[in-house]
Amino acid sequence: MLKSLRILPKVRDSWSFLYIDHCRVEQEAKAIAIYDQKGKTPVPCATLNLLMLGPGTSITHAAIRALAENGCMVAWTGEAGVRMYAHGLGETRDSRRLLKQAYLCAHDSLRLMVVRKMYEIRFSEPLEASLTLQQIRGKEGVRVRDAYARASKESGVPWTGRVYKQEDWGAADPINRALSAANSCLYGVCHAAIVAAGYSPALGFVHTGKMLSFVYDVADLYKVEMTIPIAFKIVAESPQDLESRVRHACRDAFHEHRLLARVVEDIDRLLAVDGASLQPGQSLLDLHDAMPGGLWDPESGNVSGGVNWSEPIPEG
């Protein structure tokens, strides 16, 4: 059990996440143990932030309870963790990041500030203050077009444009299928990092209207660096077994570049999440599930919860 809910796991720690597949997970005392062909491996889940369950994995109810009690998020993923299908309880007892994200997203001027910072990260240079958002989007379009052209020239793979046919996967050319497979892997890792850190995947800044809008925002920070070069390289090597080779290449590259840790660090920097905005005595940590929180009031600001606010009944 966590000694204090203020001790929050961080994905940048060495025990940030563990991926397993083709095994059985059971409770072991107050932690868990993994059983596979090699035998039993105890896992100290109190120091684990994210457990990713890949194909061929089964887990007991008691193991899930032990993981939840230790504040370890569980995610059901594809092979090598490059797709994410569902997730359980994470470290979201810290509502600070989600509240900051929602606040920035709800105010147009602040949201625009975040959008500009996202584009500046992609360009690796400050943007002129006079540029409109439409002009910035046009500048981004040129950057991505140049990235495709450069990858095509370096790899020798012909490039005629981005085409994504979800209903007819086989109709797309190899490089478009490779790009789609690589981007799916990137979305999975970004999604896992976002929910593990306590952010909402739905509250996007550039993208909007989707449950994964923020995932798309964050993934776009890394596509030119990660998935575009990988997709062109894999297609240049061979068209055989394309999607599987792309997934394995993404897995290795994400691990080599410590992408999971970078994602959270980049988001925190983008949204300037820290504790400086808290008032003395104020806490955004959910110290206990049953403890009442504050009540929102548009005129008075937040007021205390767990208080009977009814008017006193006159005597007599």
C-alpha atoms as a PDB file:
ATOM      1  CA  MET A   1       0.000   0.000   0.000  1.00  0.00           C
ATOM      2  CA  LEU A   2       1.107   3.548  -0.579  1.00  0.00           C
ATOM      3  CA  LYS A   3       2.267   5.140   2.647  1.00  0.00           C
ATOM      4  CA  SER A   4       1.041   8.480   1.392  1.00  0.00           C
ATOM      5  CA  LEU A   5      -0.948   9.447  -1.665  1.00  0.00           C
ATOM      6  CA  ARG A   6       1.395  12.406  -1.964  1.00  0.00           C
ATOM      7  CA  ILE A   7       4.088   9.949  -3.043  1.00  0.00           C
ATOM      8  CA  LEU A   8       3.238   9.870  -6.712  1.00  0.00           C
ATOM      9  CA  PRO A   9       4.916   7.491  -9.158  1.00  0.00           C
ATOM     10  CA  LYS A  10       6.566   9.180 -12.112  1.00  0.00           C
ATOM     11  CA  VAL A  11       6.963   7.637 -15.550  1.00  0.00           C
ATOM     12  CA  ARG A  12      10.480   9.020 -15.765  1.00  0.00           C
ATOM     13  CA  ASP A  13      11.585   6.690 -12.949  1.00  0.00           C
ATOM     14  CA  SER A  14      13.424   3.513 -13.865  1.00  0.00           C
ATOM     15  CA  TRP A  15      10.397   1.374 -12.859  1.00  0.00           C
ATOM     16  CA  SER A  16       8.080   3.505 -14.970  1.00  0.00           C
ATOM     17  CA  PHE A  17       6.409   0.659 -16.822  1.00  0.00           C
ATOM     18  CA  LEU A  18       6.568  -3.091 -17.366  1.00  0.00           C
ATOM     19  CA  TYR A  19       5.322  -4.910 -20.458  1.00  0.00           C
ATOM     20  CA  ILE A  20       4.480  -8.623 -20.263  1.00  0.00           C
ATOM     21  CA  ASP A  21       2.773 -11.138 -22.575  1.00  0.00           C
ATOM     22  CA  HIS A  22       1.964 -14.861 -22.733  1.00  0.00           C
ATOM     23  CA  CYS A  23       1.935 -15.329 -18.963  1.00  0.00           C
ATOM     24  CA  ARG A  24      -0.363 -15.433 -15.919  1.00  0.00           C
ATOM     25  CA  VAL A  25      -0.417 -12.735 -13.235  1.00  0.00           C
ATOM     26  CA  GLU A  26      -1.440 -13.557  -9.670  1.00  0.00           C
ATOM     27  CA  GLN A  27      -1.342 -11.844  -6.311  1.00  0.00           C
ATOM     28  CA  GLU A  28       1.840 -12.426  -4.294  1.00  0.00           C
ATOM     29  CA  ALA A  29       1.422 -11.163  -0.709  1.00  0.00           C
ATOM     30  CA  LYS A  30       0.651  -7.437  -1.211  1.00  0.00           C
ATOM     31  CA  ALA A  31       2.304  -7.395  -4.646  1.00  0.00           C
ATOM     32  CA  ILE A  32       2.021  -9.594  -7.752  1.00  0.00           C
ATOM     33  CA  ALA A  33       3.939 -12.447  -9.367  1.00  0.00           C
ATOM     34  CA  ILE A  34       4.263 -13.361 -13.043  1.00  0.00           C
ATOM     35  CA  TYR A  35       4.142 -17.020 -14.089  1.00  0.00           C
ATOM     36  CA  ASP A  36       5.449 -18.121 -17.485  1.00  0.00           C
ATOM     37  CA  GLN A  37       7.520 -20.947 -18.982  1.00  0.00           C
ATOM     38  CA  LYS A  38      10.560 -19.784 -17.010  1.00  0.00           C
ATOM     39  CA  GLY A  39       8.744 -20.003 -13.680  1.00  0.00           C
ATOM     40  CA  LYS A  40       7.652 -17.348 -11.187  1.00  0.00           C
ATOM     41  CA  THR A  41       8.881 -13.734 -11.143  1.00  0.00           C
ATOM     42  CA  PRO A  42       7.789 -11.554  -8.182  1.00  0.00           C
ATOM     43  CA  VAL A  43       7.050  -7.938  -9.104  1.00  0.00           C
ATOM     44  CA  PRO A  44       7.234  -5.150  -6.454  1.00  0.00           C
ATOM     45  CA  CYS A  45       4.307  -3.217  -7.901  1.00  0.00           C
ATOM     46  CA  ALA A  46       4.545  -0.507  -5.185  1.00  0.00           C
ATOM     47  CA  THR A  47       7.378   0.987  -7.253  1.00  0.00           C
ATOM     48  CA  LEU A  48       5.733   0.305 -10.607  1.00  0.00           C
ATOM     49  CA  ASN A  49       3.802   3.006 -12.438  1.00  0.00           C
ATOM     50  CA  LEU A  50       2.300   1.137 -15.369  1.00  0.00           C
ATOM     51  CA  LEU A  51       1.779  -2.582 -16.087  1.00  0.00           C
ATOM     52  CA  MET A  52       1.112  -3.269 -19.781  1.00  0.00           C
ATOM     53  CA  LEU A  53      -0.637  -6.611 -20.450  1.00  0.00           C
ATOM     54  CA  GLY A  54       0.126  -7.871 -23.941  1.00  0.00           C
ATOM     55  CA  PRO A  55      -1.384 -10.793 -25.926  1.00  0.00           C
ATOM     56  CA  GLY A  56      -1.754 -14.153 -24.166  1.00  0.00           C
ATOM     57  CA  THR A  57      -1.931 -12.638 -20.688  1.00  0.00           C
ATOM     58  CA  SER A  58      -4.376 -13.591 -17.951  1.00  0.00           C
ATOM     59  CA  ILE A  59      -4.688 -11.873 -14.587  1.00  0.00           C
ATOM     60  CA  THR A  60      -6.614 -12.678 -11.425  1.00  0.00           C
ATOM     61  CA  HIS A  61      -9.080 -10.423  -9.616  1.00  0.00           C
ATOM     62  CA  ALA A  62      -6.792 -10.425  -6.554  1.00  0.00           C
ATOM     63  CA  ALA A  63      -3.831  -9.259  -8.668  1.00  0.00           C
ATOM     64  CA  ILE A  64      -5.851  -6.372 -10.089  1.00  0.00           C
ATOM     65  CA  ARG A  65      -6.844  -5.383  -6.544  1.00  0.00           C
ATOM     66  CA  ALA A  66      -3.201  -5.458  -5.403  1.00  0.00           C
ATOM     67  CA  LEU A  67      -2.149  -3.300  -8.345  1.00  0.00           C
ATOM     68  CA  ALA A  68      -4.953  -0.799  -7.698  1.00  0.00           C
ATOM     69  CA  GLU A  69      -4.077  -0.575  -4.009  1.00  0.00           C
ATOM     70  CA  ASN A  70      -0.493   0.215  -4.977  1.00  0.00           C
ATOM     71  CA  GLY A  71      -1.517   2.951  -7.417  1.00  0.00           C
ATOM     72  CA  CYS A  72      -0.230   1.040 -10.438  1.00  0.00           C
ATOM     73  CA  MET A  73      -2.163   1.585 -13.657  1.00  0.00           C
ATOM     74  CA  VAL A  74      -2.991  -1.494 -15.740  1.00  0.00           C
ATOM     75  CA  ALA A  75      -3.253  -1.232 -19.516  1.00  0.00           C
ATOM     76  CA  TRP A  76      -4.357  -3.904 -21.991  1.00  0.00           C
ATOM     77  CA  THR A  77      -2.197  -3.447 -25.069  1.00  0.00           C
ATOM     78  CA  GLY A  78      -1.184  -4.972 -28.360  1.00  0.00           C
ATOM     79  CA  GLU A  79       2.083  -6.757 -29.011  1.00  0.00           C
ATOM     80  CA  ALA A  80       5.048  -5.014 -27.371  1.00  0.00           C
ATOM     81  CA  GLY A  81       2.721  -2.381 -25.967  1.00  0.00           C
ATOM     82  CA  VAL A  82       2.461  -0.538 -29.269  1.00  0.00           C
ATOM     83  CA  ARG A  83      -1.333  -0.440 -29.205  1.00  0.00           C
ATOM     84  CA  MET A  84      -3.486   0.417 -26.213  1.00  0.00           C
ATOM     85  CA  TYR A  85      -7.007  -1.025 -25.955  1.00  0.00           C
ATOM     86  CA  ALA A  86      -8.118  -0.191 -22.400  1.00  0.00           C
ATOM     87  CA  HIS A  87      -6.758   0.893 -19.062  1.00  0.00           C
ATOM     88  CA  GLY A  88      -7.616   0.705 -15.397  1.00  0.00           C
ATOM     89  CA  LEU A  89      -6.810   2.835 -12.364  1.00  0.00           C
ATOM     90  CA  GLY A  90      -3.714   4.985 -12.663  1.00  0.00           C
ATOM     91  CA  GLU A  91      -2.015   7.653 -10.595  1.00  0.00           C
ATOM     92  CA  THR A  92      -4.940   9.989 -11.095  1.00  0.00           C
ATOM     93  CA  ARG A  93      -5.243  10.657  -7.382  1.00  0.00           C
ATOM     94  CA  ASP A  94      -3.318  13.761  -8.357  1.00  0.00           C
ATOM     95  CA  SER A  95      -5.922  15.886 -10.135  1.00  0.00           C
ATOM     96  CA  ARG A  96      -3.491  18.784 -10.605  1.00  0.00           C
ATOM     97  CA  ARG A  97      -2.556  17.918 -14.178  1.00  0.00           C
ATOM     98  CA  LEU A  98      -6.135  17.268 -15.337  1.00  0.00           C
ATOM     99  CA  LEU A  99      -7.454  20.477 -13.767  1.00  0.00           C
ATOM    100  CA  LYS A 100      -4.668  22.527 -15.337  1.00  0.00           C
ATOM    101  CA  GLN A 101      -5.304  20.913 -18.724  1.00  0.00           C
ATOM    102  CA  ALA A 102      -9.047  21.588 -18.497  1.00  0.00           C
ATOM    103  CA  TYR A 103      -8.468  25.209 -17.397  1.00  0.00           C
ATOM    104  CA  LEU A 104      -6.112  25.940 -20.291  1.00  0.00           C
ATOM    105  CA  CYS A 105      -8.413  24.206 -22.762  1.00  0.00           C
ATOM    106  CA  ALA A 106     -11.484  26.136 -21.627  1.00  0.00           C
ATOM    107  CA  HIS A 107     -10.011  29.637 -22.146  1.00  0.00           C
ATOM    108  CA  ASP A 108      -9.420  30.568 -25.778  1.00  0.00           C
ATOM    109  CA  SER A 109      -6.422  32.842 -25.176  1.00  0.00           C
ATOM    110  CA  LEU A 110      -4.670  30.243 -23.017  1.00  0.00           C
ATOM    111  CA  ARG A 111      -5.567  27.449 -25.415  1.00  0.00           C
ATOM    112  CA  LEU A 112      -4.045  29.435 -28.280  1.00  0.00           C
ATOM    113  CA  MET A 113      -0.898  29.915 -26.214  1.00  0.00           C
ATOM    114  CA  VAL A 114      -0.565  26.139 -25.783  1.00  0.00           C
ATOM    115  CA  VAL A 115      -1.230  25.568 -29.485  1.00  0.00           C
ATOM    116  CA  ARG A 116       1.566  27.983 -30.432  1.00  0.00           C
ATOM    117  CA  LYS A 117       3.939  26.262 -28.002  1.00  0.00           C
ATOM    118  CA  MET A 118       3.085  22.894 -29.562  1.00  0.00           C
ATOM    119  CA  TYR A 119       3.924  24.201 -33.017  1.00  0.00           C
ATOM    120  CA  GLU A 120       7.135  25.804 -31.715  1.00  0.00           C
ATOM    121  CA  ILE A 121       8.245  22.403 -30.415  1.00  0.00           C
ATOM    122  CA  ARG A 122       7.603  20.915 -33.855  1.00  0.00           C
ATOM    123  CA  PHE A 123       9.558  23.713 -35.584  1.00  0.00           C
ATOM    124  CA  SER A 124      12.282  23.794 -32.898  1.00  0.00           C
ATOM    125  CA  GLU A 125      12.221  27.605 -33.062  1.00  0.00           C
ATOM    126  CA  PRO A 126      10.007  30.469 -31.813  1.00  0.00           C
ATOM    127  CA  LEU A 127       7.150  31.603 -34.038  1.00  0.00           C
ATOM    128  CA  GLU A 128       6.715  35.236 -35.000  1.00  0.00           C
ATOM    129  CA  ALA A 129       3.998  36.833 -32.883  1.00  0.00           C
ATOM    130  CA  SER A 130       2.354  38.283 -36.002  1.00  0.00           C
ATOM    131  CA  LEU A 131       1.605  34.839 -37.481  1.00  0.00           C
ATOM    132  CA  THR A 132      -2.059  33.825 -37.374  1.00  0.00           C
ATOM    133  CA  LEU A 133      -3.093  30.275 -36.518  1.00  0.00           C
ATOM    134  CA  GLN A 134      -4.048  29.718 -40.157  1.00  0.00           C
ATOM    135  CA  GLN A 135      -0.566  30.811 -41.241  1.00  0.00           C
ATOM    136  CA  ILE A 136       1.014  28.520 -38.645  1.00  0.00           C
ATOM    137  CA  ARG A 137      -1.028  25.568 -39.927  1.00  0.00           C
ATOM    138  CA  GLY A 138       0.178  26.352 -43.443  1.00  0.00           C
ATOM    139  CA  LYS A 139       3.772  26.494 -42.218  1.00  0.00           C
ATOM    140  CA  GLU A 140       3.267  23.112 -40.521  1.00  0.00           C
ATOM    141  CA  GLY A 141       1.886  21.647 -43.749  1.00  0.00           C
ATOM    142  CA  VAL A 142       5.054  22.678 -45.587  1.00  0.00           C
ATOM    143  CA  ARG A 143       7.216  21.164 -42.847  1.00  0.00           C
ATOM    144  CA  VAL A 144       5.443  17.780 -43.003  1.00  0.00           C
ATOM    145  CA  ARG A 145       5.473  17.780 -46.813  1.00  0.00           C
ATOM    146  CA  ASP A 146       9.231  18.420 -46.758  1.00  0.00           C
ATOM    147  CA  ALA A 147       9.709  15.628 -44.195  1.00  0.00           C
ATOM    148  CA  TYR A 148       7.967  13.120 -46.488  1.00  0.00           C
ATOM    149  CA  ALA A 149      10.016  14.321 -49.482  1.00  0.00           C
ATOM    150  CA  ARG A 150      13.267  14.103 -47.536  1.00  0.00           C
ATOM    151  CA  ALA A 151      12.507  10.578 -46.248  1.00  0.00           C
ATOM    152  CA  SER A 152      11.567   9.498 -49.774  1.00  0.00           C
ATOM    153  CA  LYS A 153      14.837  10.833 -51.205  1.00  0.00           C
ATOM    154  CA  GLU A 154      16.957   9.241 -48.471  1.00  0.00           C
ATOM    155  CA  SER A 155      15.247   5.840 -48.659  1.00  0.00           C
ATOM    156  CA  GLY A 156      14.499   5.653 -52.373  1.00  0.00           C
ATOM    157  CA  VAL A 157      10.839   4.848 -51.657  1.00  0.00           C
ATOM    158  CA  PRO A 158       8.491   6.690 -54.097  1.00  0.00           C
ATOM    159  CA  TRP A 159       6.113   9.176 -52.435  1.00  0.00           C
ATOM    160  CA  THR A 160       2.904  10.402 -54.052  1.00  0.00           C
ATOM    161  CA  GLY A 161       0.978  11.598 -50.984  1.00  0.00           C
ATOM    162  CA  ARG A 162      -0.674  10.485 -47.769  1.00  0.00           C
ATOM    163  CA  VAL A 163      -3.665   8.187 -48.287  1.00  0.00           C
ATOM    164  CA  TYR A 164      -5.427   6.361 -45.435  1.00  0.00           C
ATOM    165  CA  LYS A 165      -8.156   3.853 -46.326  1.00  0.00           C
ATOM    166  CA  GLN A 166      -9.456   2.352 -43.079  1.00  0.00           C
ATOM    167  CA  GLU A 167     -12.204   0.377 -44.830  1.00  0.00           C
ATOM    168  CA  ASP A 168      -9.835  -1.021 -47.466  1.00  0.00           C
ATOM    169  CA  TRP A 169      -6.457  -1.452 -45.800  1.00  0.00           C
ATOM    170  CA  GLY A 170      -4.945  -3.504 -48.621  1.00  0.00           C
ATOM    171  CA  ALA A 171      -5.748  -0.864 -51.254  1.00  0.00           C
ATOM    172  CA  ALA A 172      -3.140   1.544 -49.872  1.00  0.00           C
ATOM    173  CA  ASP A 173       0.450   1.410 -51.133  1.00  0.00           C
ATOM    174  CA  PRO A 174       3.147  -0.057 -48.826  1.00  0.00           C
ATOM    175  CA  ILE A 175       4.488   3.260 -47.555  1.00  0.00           C
ATOM    176  CA  ASN A 176       1.013   4.494 -46.579  1.00  0.00           C
ATOM    177  CA  ARG A 177       0.286   1.219 -44.771  1.00  0.00           C
ATOM    178  CA  ALA A 178       3.637   1.465 -43.003  1.00  0.00           C
ATOM    179  CA  LEU A 179       2.935   5.053 -41.943  1.00  0.00           C
ATOM    180  CA  SER A 180      -0.494   4.109 -40.577  1.00  0.00           C
ATOM    181  CA  ALA A 181       0.950   1.166 -38.629  1.00  0.00           C
ATOM    182  CA  ALA A 182       3.767   3.308 -37.209  1.00  0.00           C
ATOM    183  CA  ASN A 183       1.386   6.093 -36.194  1.00  0.00           C
ATOM    184  CA  SER A 184      -0.872   3.562 -34.437  1.00  0.00           C
ATOM    185  CA  CYS A 185       2.111   2.484 -32.366  1.00  0.00           C
ATOM    186  CA  LEU A 186       2.913   6.106 -31.539  1.00  0.00           C
ATOM    187  CA  TYR A 187      -0.700   6.792 -30.512  1.00  0.00           C
ATOM    188  CA  GLY A 188      -0.598   3.789 -28.171  1.00  0.00           C
ATOM    189  CA  VAL A 189       2.519   4.909 -26.335  1.00  0.00           C
ATOM    190  CA  CYS A 190       1.341   8.541 -26.098  1.00  0.00           C
ATOM    191  CA  HIS A 191      -2.072   7.385 -24.841  1.00  0.00           C
ATOM    192  CA  ALA A 192      -0.481   5.265 -22.117  1.00  0.00           C
ATOM    193  CA  ALA A 193       1.771   8.126 -21.006  1.00  0.00           C
ATOM    194  CA  ILE A 194      -1.109  10.623 -20.941  1.00  0.00           C
ATOM    195  CA  VAL A 195      -3.427   8.542 -18.759  1.00  0.00           C
ATOM    196  CA  ALA A 196      -0.557   7.351 -16.532  1.00  0.00           C
ATOM    197  CA  ALA A 197       0.341  10.953 -15.758  1.00  0.00           C
ATOM    198  CA  GLY A 198      -3.253  11.908 -14.977  1.00  0.00           C
ATOM    199  CA  TYR A 199      -4.129  13.905 -18.094  1.00  0.00           C
ATOM    200  CA  SER A 200      -7.285  13.491 -20.177  1.00  0.00           C
ATOM    201  CA  PRO A 201      -6.819  11.987 -23.660  1.00  0.00           C
ATOM    202  CA  ALA A 202      -9.966  13.809 -24.850  1.00  0.00           C
ATOM    203  CA  LEU A 203      -9.088  17.445 -24.018  1.00  0.00           C
ATOM    204  CA  GLY A 204      -7.041  18.367 -27.063  1.00  0.00           C
ATOM    205  CA  PHE A 205      -5.701  21.800 -27.963  1.00  0.00           C
ATOM    206  CA  VAL A 206      -4.941  21.555 -31.687  1.00  0.00           C
ATOM    207  CA  HIS A 207      -7.291  18.623 -32.279  1.00  0.00           C
ATOM    208  CA  THR A 208     -10.835  18.628 -30.934  1.00  0.00           C
ATOM    209  CA  GLY A 209     -14.043  16.610 -30.918  1.00  0.00           C
ATOM    210  CA  LYS A 210     -12.520  13.147 -30.408  1.00  0.00           C
ATOM    211  CA  MET A 211     -11.929  10.972 -27.354  1.00  0.00           C
ATOM    212  CA  LEU A 212      -8.249  10.867 -28.330  1.00  0.00           C
ATOM    213  CA  SER A 213      -7.824  14.509 -29.362  1.00  0.00           C
ATOM    214  CA  PHE A 214      -4.992  15.143 -26.889  1.00  0.00           C
ATOM    215  CA  VAL A 215      -3.305  11.888 -27.956  1.00  0.00           C
ATOM    216  CA  TYR A 216      -3.231  13.188 -31.544  1.00  0.00           C
ATOM    217  CA  ASP A 217      -1.846  16.536 -30.315  1.00  0.00           C
ATOM    218  CA  VAL A 218       1.007  14.898 -28.455  1.00  0.00           C
ATOM    219  CA  ALA A 219       1.779  12.279 -31.112  1.00  0.00           C
ATOM    220  CA  ASP A 220       2.205  15.019 -33.722  1.00  0.00           C
ATOM    221  CA  LEU A 221       5.194  16.291 -31.737  1.00  0.00           C
ATOM    222  CA  TYR A 222       7.145  13.141 -32.624  1.00  0.00           C
ATOM    223  CA  LYS A 223       5.975  11.962 -36.056  1.00  0.00           C
ATOM    224  CA  VAL A 224       8.636  13.706 -38.130  1.00  0.00           C
ATOM    225  CA  GLU A 225      11.345  12.503 -35.754  1.00  0.00           C
ATOM    226  CA  MET A 226      10.032   8.967 -35.200  1.00  0.00           C
ATOM    227  CA  THR A 227       7.393   7.360 -37.362  1.00  0.00           C
ATOM    228  CA  ILE A 228       8.065   8.922 -40.786  1.00  0.00           C
ATOM    229  CA  PRO A 229      11.748   7.832 -40.950  1.00  0.00           C
ATOM    230  CA  ILE A 230      10.882   4.375 -39.547  1.00  0.00           C
ATOM    231  CA  ALA A 231       8.114   3.748 -42.081  1.00  0.00           C
ATOM    232  CA  PHE A 232      10.247   4.728 -45.087  1.00  0.00           C
ATOM    233  CA  LYS A 233      13.227   2.708 -43.818  1.00  0.00           C
ATOM    234  CA  ILE A 234      11.170  -0.468 -43.304  1.00  0.00           C
ATOM    235  CA  VAL A 235       9.505  -0.214 -46.725  1.00  0.00           C
ATOM    236  CA  ALA A 236      12.903   0.371 -48.372  1.00  0.00           C
ATOM    237  CA  GLU A 237      14.228  -2.832 -46.796  1.00  0.00           C
ATOM    238  CA  SER A 238      11.384  -5.107 -47.945  1.00  0.00           C
ATOM    239  CA  PRO A 239       7.617  -5.097 -48.552  1.00  0.00           C
ATOM    240  CA  GLN A 240       7.254  -8.492 -46.839  1.00  0.00           C
ATOM    241  CA  ASP A 241       5.514  -8.784 -43.456  1.00  0.00           C
ATOM    242  CA  LEU A 242       5.365  -5.009 -43.443  1.00  0.00           C
ATOM    243  CA  GLU A 243       3.085  -4.150 -40.515  1.00  0.00           C
ATOM    244  CA  SER A 244       4.776  -6.548 -38.074  1.00  0.00           C
ATOM    245  CA  ARG A 245       8.255  -5.238 -38.925  1.00  0.00           C
ATOM    246  CA  VAL A 246       7.057  -1.652 -38.517  1.00  0.00           C
ATOM    247  CA  ARG A 247       5.674  -2.447 -35.034  1.00  0.00           C
ATOM    248  CA  HIS A 248       8.927  -4.055 -33.935  1.00  0.00           C
ATOM    249  CA  ALA A 249      10.972  -1.153 -35.328  1.00  0.00           C
ATOM    250  CA  CYS A 250       8.748   1.336 -33.472  1.00  0.00           C
ATOM    251  CA  ARG A 251       9.077  -0.659 -30.247  1.00  0.00           C
ATOM    252  CA  ASP A 252      12.872  -0.568 -30.448  1.00  0.00           C
ATOM    253  CA  ALA A 253      13.031   3.121 -31.411  1.00  0.00           C
ATOM    254  CA  PHE A 254      10.602   4.204 -28.684  1.00  0.00           C
ATOM    255  CA  HIS A 255      12.654   2.300 -26.110  1.00  0.00           C
ATOM    256  CA  GLU A 256      15.962   3.676 -27.407  1.00  0.00           C
ATOM    257  CA  HIS A 257      14.719   7.271 -27.304  1.00  0.00           C
ATOM    258  CA  ARG A 258      12.926   6.820 -23.921  1.00  0.00           C
ATOM    259  CA  LEU A 259       9.763   8.134 -25.546  1.00  0.00           C
ATOM    260  CA  LEU A 260       7.411   7.265 -22.667  1.00  0.00           C
ATOM    261  CA  ALA A 261       9.377   9.453 -20.282  1.00  0.00           C
ATOM    262  CA  ARG A 262       9.821  12.228 -22.845  1.00  0.00           C
ATOM    263  CA  VAL A 263       6.069  12.457 -23.452  1.00  0.00           C
ATOM    264  CA  VAL A 264       5.215  13.343 -19.864  1.00  0.00           C
ATOM    265  CA  GLU A 265       8.133  15.745 -19.534  1.00  0.00           C
ATOM    266  CA  ASP A 266       7.122  17.521 -22.745  1.00  0.00           C
ATOM    267  CA  ILE A 267       3.450  17.792 -21.718  1.00  0.00           C
ATOM    268  CA  ASP A 268       4.347  19.138 -18.280  1.00  0.00           C
ATOM    269  CA  ARG A 269       6.543  21.752 -19.931  1.00  0.00           C
ATOM    270  CA  LEU A 270       3.861  22.630 -22.474  1.00  0.00           C
ATOM    271  CA  LEU A 271       1.160  23.140 -19.891  1.00  0.00           C
ATOM    272  CA  ALA A 272       3.557  24.531 -17.267  1.00  0.00           C
ATOM    273  CA  VAL A 273       2.236  22.147 -14.649  1.00  0.00           C
ATOM    274  CA  ASP A 274       3.723  22.707 -11.222  1.00  0.00           C
ATOM    275  CA  GLY A 275       2.517  23.382  -7.704  1.00  0.00           C
ATOM    276  CA  ALA A 276       3.225  27.100  -7.784  1.00  0.00           C
ATOM    277  CA  SER A 277      -0.384  28.048  -8.518  1.00  0.00           C
ATOM    278  CA  LEU A 278      -1.706  26.377  -5.384  1.00  0.00           C
ATOM    279  CA  GLN A 279      -2.777  28.569  -2.467  1.00  0.00           C
ATOM    280  CA  PRO A 280      -1.380  27.854   1.022  1.00  0.00           C
ATOM    281  CA  GLY A 281      -3.258  24.922   2.501  1.00  0.00           C
ATOM    282  CA  GLN A 282      -4.887  24.081  -0.814  1.00  0.00           C
ATOM    283  CA  SER A 283      -4.495  20.565  -2.164  1.00  0.00           C
ATOM    284  CA  LEU A 284      -5.575  19.081  -5.460  1.00  0.00           C
ATOM    285  CA  LEU A 285      -4.645  15.589  -4.308  1.00  0.00           C
ATOM    286  CA  ASP A 286      -7.521  13.187  -3.703  1.00  0.00           C
ATOM    287  CA  LEU A 287      -6.293  12.136  -0.296  1.00  0.00           C
ATOM    288  CA  HIS A 288      -9.203   9.779   0.321  1.00  0.00           C
ATOM    289  CA  ASP A 289     -11.996   8.573  -1.957  1.00  0.00           C
ATOM    290  CA  ALA A 290     -14.648   9.243   0.679  1.00  0.00           C
ATOM    291  CA  MET A 291     -13.330  12.685   1.665  1.00  0.00           C
ATOM    292  CA  PRO A 292     -15.600  15.430   0.251  1.00  0.00           C
ATOM    293  CA  GLY A 293     -14.050  17.836  -2.204  1.00  0.00           C
ATOM    294  CA  GLY A 294     -14.852  21.480  -2.829  1.00  0.00           C
ATOM    295  CA  LEU A 295     -17.996  22.815  -4.509  1.00  0.00           C
ATOM    296  CA  TRP A 296     -17.797  25.114  -7.514  1.00  0.00           C
ATOM    297  CA  ASP A 297     -19.502  28.498  -7.223  1.00  0.00           C
ATOM    298  CA  PRO A 298     -19.399  31.012 -10.107  1.00  0.00           C
ATOM    299  CA  GLU A 299     -19.654  34.001  -7.745  1.00  0.00           C
ATOM    300  CA  SER A 300     -17.830  33.023  -4.573  1.00  0.00           C
ATOM    301  CA  GLY A 301     -15.260  30.718  -6.084  1.00  0.00           C
ATOM    302  CA  ASN A 302     -14.834  27.217  -4.702  1.00  0.00           C
ATOM    303  CA  VAL A 303     -16.543  26.612  -1.367  1.00  0.00           C
ATOM    304  CA  SER A 304     -16.157  23.783   1.116  1.00  0.00           C
ATOM    305  CA  GLY A 305     -17.836  20.448   0.435  1.00  0.00           C
ATOM    306  CA  GLY A 306     -19.296  18.192   3.130  1.00  0.00           C
ATOM    307  CA  VAL A 307     -21.110  21.198   4.579  1.00  0.00           C
ATOM    308  CA  ASN A 308     -24.899  21.578   4.901  1.00  0.00           C
ATOM    309  CA  TRP A 309     -25.537  24.828   3.056  1.00  0.00           C
ATOM    310  CA  SER A 310     -29.309  24.952   3.734  1.00  0.00           C
ATOM    311  CA  GLU A 311     -30.790  28.052   5.360  1.00  0.00           C
ATOM    312  CA  PRO A 312     -31.306  27.637   9.152  1.00  0.00           C
ATOM    313  CA  ILE A 313     -34.917  26.895  10.146  1.00  0.00           C
ATOM    314  CA  PRO A 314     -36.388  29.709  12.294  1.00  0.00           C
ATOM    315  CA  GLU A 315     -37.333  28.649  15.804  1.00  0.00           C
ATOM    316  CA  GLY A 316     -40.923  28.732  16.941  1.00  0.00           C
END
